Amino acid sequence: QVQLVESGGGLVQAGGSLRLSCAASGNIFSNMHWYRQAPGKQREFVASITSSSSTVYADSVKGRFTISRDSAKNTVYLQMNSLKPEDTAVYYCKRGLLWGQGTQVTVSS
C-alpha cells in the first residue's frame, strides 16, 4: 500500500522560503497534488503535477510556489518562495484518494 509522508515544514519569516517534500512508498507515476488547510478554514488546492510534469497552481500561489517531482526518488516537492502570513497552514500531499499526514508551515509577519 502506498503511503505519503510530508516533511520540510517549519517557522519562517514573511518573505522567506521553504521546500516541502512528499515521499511516496510506492511509485508516483500519477498526478500528485498539494493542498493546505489553515485554522478554521476548509482545505484548499495549492498545486498539481501530472505524470508528464504539467503543472497547475492556485491563483494565490502562482509565481511564488513551484511543484516538481523526482520519479527516481518517488518524491514530489513544493518550493515556496516569498512566503506570506496567509500561507500559514498545514500542507498535505495527495495522490488519488490517499492523503499524507500533513506538515505545518507557519509564516510570521
Foldseek 3Di string as FASTA:
>chain_A
DKAWAKDWADEEAQQAKIKMKIAIPDFPLAKKFKWWDDPPGDIGGAKIAGSVGDMDGDPVQPPFWDWDDDRVRNMIMIIGGRDDQVVFTWMWMDDDPHIHPTDTHGYHD
